[in-house]
C-alpha atoms as a PDB file:
ATOM      1  CA  MET A   1      71.980  33.893  62.143  1.00  0.00           C
ATOM      2  CA  ASN A   2      71.617  30.543  60.402  1.00  0.00           C
ATOM      3  CA  ILE A   3      68.498  28.442  60.891  1.00  0.00           C
ATOM      4  CA  ILE A   4      67.950  24.912  59.632  1.00  0.00           C
ATOM      5  CA  LEU A   5      64.580  23.406  58.698  1.00  0.00           C
ATOM      6  CA  HIS A   6      64.694  19.624  59.136  1.00  0.00           C
ATOM      7  CA  ARG A   7      61.696  17.967  57.475  1.00  0.00           C
ATOM      8  CA  THR A   8      60.563  14.879  59.345  1.00  0.00           C
ATOM      9  CA  GLU A   9      57.391  13.656  57.598  1.00  0.00           C
ATOM     10  CA  GLU A  10      55.591  14.134  54.303  1.00  0.00           C
ATOM     11  CA  SER A  11      51.941  13.058  54.130  1.00  0.00           C
ATOM     12  CA  ALA A  12      48.568  14.272  52.878  1.00  0.00           C
ATOM     13  CA  ASP A  13      48.209  16.103  56.223  1.00  0.00           C
ATOM     14  CA  GLY A  14      51.266  18.269  55.515  1.00  0.00           C
ATOM     15  CA  ILE A  15      55.026  18.435  55.439  1.00  0.00           C
ATOM     16  CA  PHE A  16      56.110  18.450  59.092  1.00  0.00           C
ATOM     17  CA  GLY A  17      59.484  19.423  60.476  1.00  0.00           C
ATOM     18  CA  VAL A  18      61.444  21.338  63.075  1.00  0.00           C
ATOM     19  CA  MET A  19      63.574  24.460  62.901  1.00  0.00           C
ATOM     20  CA  THR A  20      66.844  24.492  64.806  1.00  0.00           C
ATOM     21  CA  ASP A  21      69.531  27.074  65.295  1.00  0.00           C
ATOM     22  CA  GLU A  22      73.032  26.452  63.972  1.00  0.00           C
ATOM     23  CA  PHE A  23      73.918  24.647  67.219  1.00  0.00           C
ATOM     24  CA  GLY A  24      71.046  22.135  66.926  1.00  0.00           C
ATOM     25  CA  ASN A  25      68.752  23.754  69.519  1.00  0.00           C
ATOM     26  CA  GLN A  26      65.107  23.356  68.516  1.00  0.00           C
ATOM     27  CA  ILE A  27      63.326  26.657  67.833  1.00  0.00           C
ATOM     28  CA  CYS A  28      59.885  25.449  66.739  1.00  0.00           C
ATOM     29  CA  ALA A  29      57.814  22.881  64.890  1.00  0.00           C
ATOM     30  CA  THR A  30      56.945  23.584  61.253  1.00  0.00           C
ATOM     31  CA  LEU A  31      54.186  22.687  58.824  1.00  0.00           C
ATOM     32  CA  GLU A  32      54.079  23.265  55.071  1.00  0.00           C
ATOM     33  CA  HIS A  33      51.244  22.498  52.672  1.00  0.00           C
ATOM     34  CA  ALA A  34      51.494  19.049  51.085  1.00  0.00           C
ATOM     35  CA  PHE A  35      51.085  19.115  47.309  1.00  0.00           C
ATOM     36  CA  ASP A  36      50.595  15.873  45.386  1.00  0.00           C
ATOM     37  CA  SER A  37      53.972  15.142  43.806  1.00  0.00           C
ATOM     38  CA  GLY A  38      52.254  14.110  40.553  1.00  0.00           C
ATOM     39  CA  LEU A  39      54.161  10.851  40.456  1.00  0.00           C
ATOM     40  CA  GLY A  40      51.020   8.769  40.997  1.00  0.00           C
ATOM     41  CA  ASN A  41      52.499   6.976  43.987  1.00  0.00           C
ATOM     42  CA  GLY A  42      50.838   8.853  46.872  1.00  0.00           C
ATOM     43  CA  THR A  43      53.856  11.023  47.661  1.00  0.00           C
ATOM     44  CA  PHE A  44      53.705  14.698  48.545  1.00  0.00           C
ATOM     45  CA  SER A  45      56.011  17.670  48.076  1.00  0.00           C
ATOM     46  CA  PRO A  46      56.293  21.210  49.485  1.00  0.00           C
ATOM     47  CA  LYS A  47      56.790  24.302  47.309  1.00  0.00           C
ATOM     48  CA  VAL A  48      60.183  25.048  48.889  1.00  0.00           C
ATOM     49  CA  PRO A  49      62.809  22.582  47.669  1.00  0.00           C
ATOM     50  CA  PRO A  50      65.847  21.709  49.777  1.00  0.00           C
ATOM     51  CA  GLY A  51      68.428  24.474  49.602  1.00  0.00           C
ATOM     52  CA  THR A  52      69.645  27.644  51.269  1.00  0.00           C
ATOM     53  CA  TYR A  53      67.526  30.795  51.237  1.00  0.00           C
ATOM     54  CA  THR A  54      67.944  34.351  52.438  1.00  0.00           C
ATOM     55  CA  CYS A  55      64.933  35.439  54.509  1.00  0.00           C
ATOM     56  CA  ILE A  56      64.114  39.152  54.654  1.00  0.00           C
ATOM     57  CA  LYS A  57      61.909  40.823  57.276  1.00  0.00           C
ATOM     58  CA  GLY A  58      59.030  42.965  56.076  1.00  0.00           C
ATOM     59  CA  GLN A  59      55.335  43.837  56.312  1.00  0.00           C
ATOM     60  CA  HIS A  60      53.089  41.260  54.662  1.00  0.00           C
ATOM     61  CA  GLN A  61      49.372  40.581  54.491  1.00  0.00           C
ATOM     62  CA  LEU A  62      47.695  37.262  53.751  1.00  0.00           C
ATOM     63  CA  ALA A  63      44.617  37.342  51.503  1.00  0.00           C
ATOM     64  CA  HIS A  64      42.202  36.424  54.315  1.00  0.00           C
ATOM     65  CA  MET A  65      43.644  38.890  56.866  1.00  0.00           C
ATOM     66  CA  SER A  66      42.381  42.405  57.512  1.00  0.00           C
ATOM     67  CA  HIS A  67      45.761  43.856  58.499  1.00  0.00           C
ATOM     68  CA  PRO A  68      49.464  43.370  57.696  1.00  0.00           C
ATOM     69  CA  PHE A  69      51.980  41.781  60.038  1.00  0.00           C
ATOM     70  CA  VAL A  70      55.771  41.589  60.232  1.00  0.00           C
ATOM     71  CA  THR A  71      57.438  38.363  59.206  1.00  0.00           C
ATOM     72  CA  TYR A  72      60.140  36.970  56.936  1.00  0.00           C
ATOM     73  CA  MET A  73      59.926  36.132  53.228  1.00  0.00           C
ATOM     74  CA  LEU A  74      62.144  33.539  51.581  1.00  0.00           C
ATOM     75  CA  GLN A  75      64.007  34.887  48.569  1.00  0.00           C
ATOM     76  CA  ASN A  76      64.608  33.102  45.268  1.00  0.00           C
ATOM     77  CA  VAL A  77      62.429  30.031  45.806  1.00  0.00           C
ATOM     78  CA  PRO A  78      62.455  28.316  42.388  1.00  0.00           C
ATOM     79  CA  ASN A  79      59.179  28.872  40.489  1.00  0.00           C
ATOM     80  CA  HIS A  80      57.458  30.527  43.487  1.00  0.00           C
ATOM     81  CA  THR A  81      57.122  33.960  45.083  1.00  0.00           C
ATOM     82  CA  ASN A  82      55.747  35.301  48.359  1.00  0.00           C
ATOM     83  CA  ILE A  83      56.808  32.306  50.465  1.00  0.00           C
ATOM     84  CA  LEU A  84      56.503  33.521  54.064  1.00  0.00           C
ATOM     85  CA  ILE A  85      57.120  32.208  57.556  1.00  0.00           C
ATOM     86  CA  HIS A  86      53.804  32.788  59.324  1.00  0.00           C
ATOM     87  CA  MET A  87      51.163  31.583  61.749  1.00  0.00           C
ATOM     88  CA  GLY A  88      48.786  28.705  61.056  1.00  0.00           C
ATOM     89  CA  ASN A  89      47.987  25.331  62.510  1.00  0.00           C
ATOM     90  CA  TYR A  90      46.847  23.082  59.664  1.00  0.00           C
ATOM     91  CA  ASN A  91      47.909  22.048  56.160  1.00  0.00           C
ATOM     92  CA  SER A  92      45.027  24.158  54.801  1.00  0.00           C
ATOM     93  CA  ASP A  93      46.440  27.315  56.496  1.00  0.00           C
ATOM     94  CA  SER A  94      49.314  27.409  54.000  1.00  0.00           C
ATOM     95  CA  ASP A  95      49.594  27.540  50.243  1.00  0.00           C
ATOM     96  CA  GLY A  96      53.306  26.832  50.332  1.00  0.00           C
ATOM     97  CA  CYS A  97      54.479  29.043  53.187  1.00  0.00           C
ATOM     98  CA  ILE A  98      56.211  27.716  56.302  1.00  0.00           C
ATOM     99  CA  LEU A  99      53.959  27.695  59.352  1.00  0.00           C
ATOM    100  CA  VAL A 100      55.563  27.742  62.810  1.00  0.00           C
ATOM    101  CA  GLY A 101      54.188  26.279  66.024  1.00  0.00           C
ATOM    102  CA  GLU A 102      55.232  25.064  69.433  1.00  0.00           C
ATOM    103  CA  ILE A 103      54.806  21.309  68.866  1.00  0.00           C
ATOM    104  CA  ARG A 104      53.164  18.899  66.474  1.00  0.00           C
ATOM    105  CA  SER A 105      49.895  17.436  67.695  1.00  0.00           C
ATOM    106  CA  GLY A 106      48.361  14.906  65.302  1.00  0.00           C
ATOM    107  CA  ASN A 107      47.884  16.587  61.927  1.00  0.00           C
ATOM    108  CA  ALA A 108      48.491  20.114  63.257  1.00  0.00           C
ATOM    109  CA  ILE A 109      51.003  22.324  65.025  1.00  0.00           C
ATOM    110  CA  THR A 110      50.043  24.191  68.195  1.00  0.00           C
ATOM    111  CA  ASN A 111      50.300  27.744  69.573  1.00  0.00           C
ATOM    112  CA  SER A 112      51.217  29.217  66.222  1.00  0.00           C
ATOM    113  CA  VAL A 113      50.655  32.919  66.950  1.00  0.00           C
ATOM    114  CA  VAL A 114      52.637  32.750  70.201  1.00  0.00           C
ATOM    115  CA  THR A 115      55.400  30.781  68.481  1.00  0.00           C
ATOM    116  CA  LEU A 116      55.645  33.263  65.602  1.00  0.00           C
ATOM    117  CA  ASN A 117      55.926  36.118  68.099  1.00  0.00           C
ATOM    118  CA  LYS A 118      58.690  34.258  69.977  1.00  0.00           C
ATOM    119  CA  PHE A 119      60.454  33.556  66.673  1.00  0.00           C
ATOM    120  CA  LEU A 120      60.348  37.250  65.760  1.00  0.00           C
ATOM    121  CA  ALA A 121      61.534  38.257  69.251  1.00  0.00           C
ATOM    122  CA  MET A 122      64.388  35.754  68.997  1.00  0.00           C
ATOM    123  CA  GLN A 123      65.473  37.469  65.772  1.00  0.00           C
ATOM    124  CA  ASN A 124      65.296  40.803  67.634  1.00  0.00           C
ATOM    125  CA  SER A 125      66.727  43.412  65.280  1.00  0.00           C
ATOM    126  CA  ILE A 126      67.844  40.976  62.576  1.00  0.00           C
ATOM    127  CA  ASP A 127      66.464  41.997  59.183  1.00  0.00           C
ATOM    128  CA  THR A 128      67.829  38.987  57.288  1.00  0.00           C
ATOM    129  CA  PHE A 129      68.897  35.444  58.089  1.00  0.00           C
ATOM    130  CA  THR A 130      69.834  32.301  56.225  1.00  0.00           C
ATOM    131  CA  LEU A 131      67.447  29.337  56.200  1.00  0.00           C
ATOM    132  CA  THR A 132      68.788  25.956  55.117  1.00  0.00           C
ATOM    133  CA  VAL A 133      66.023  23.522  54.172  1.00  0.00           C
ATOM    134  CA  GLU A 134      66.946  19.840  54.394  1.00  0.00           C
END
């Protein structure tokens, strides 16, 4: 399966976007942490640059969580490791990972846990997929 992440807005509140399947059907809203681009002009950048990544399913645990969960990790992100697709609603819930939610609402995305579970169910028994980040 091929999934495309279309980024729609970059601001101090986060890098917002939508994931679609290869046919253009929207899967979910996304949010990535906004890092100051360092250019001194008020622009922001995510950790994951545009490109194509293989995502592999596995057990992962975030530092603040008491138990592991199943999700996908992006492979070969330049200069970064452990970039996951996971639950979270705000810019501060990510340190570079891709958060998934139902819709964007102001500076957040909604229903993240439910959306992640739907995303995983949609992948069913798929252990890897290709994510194209635009």
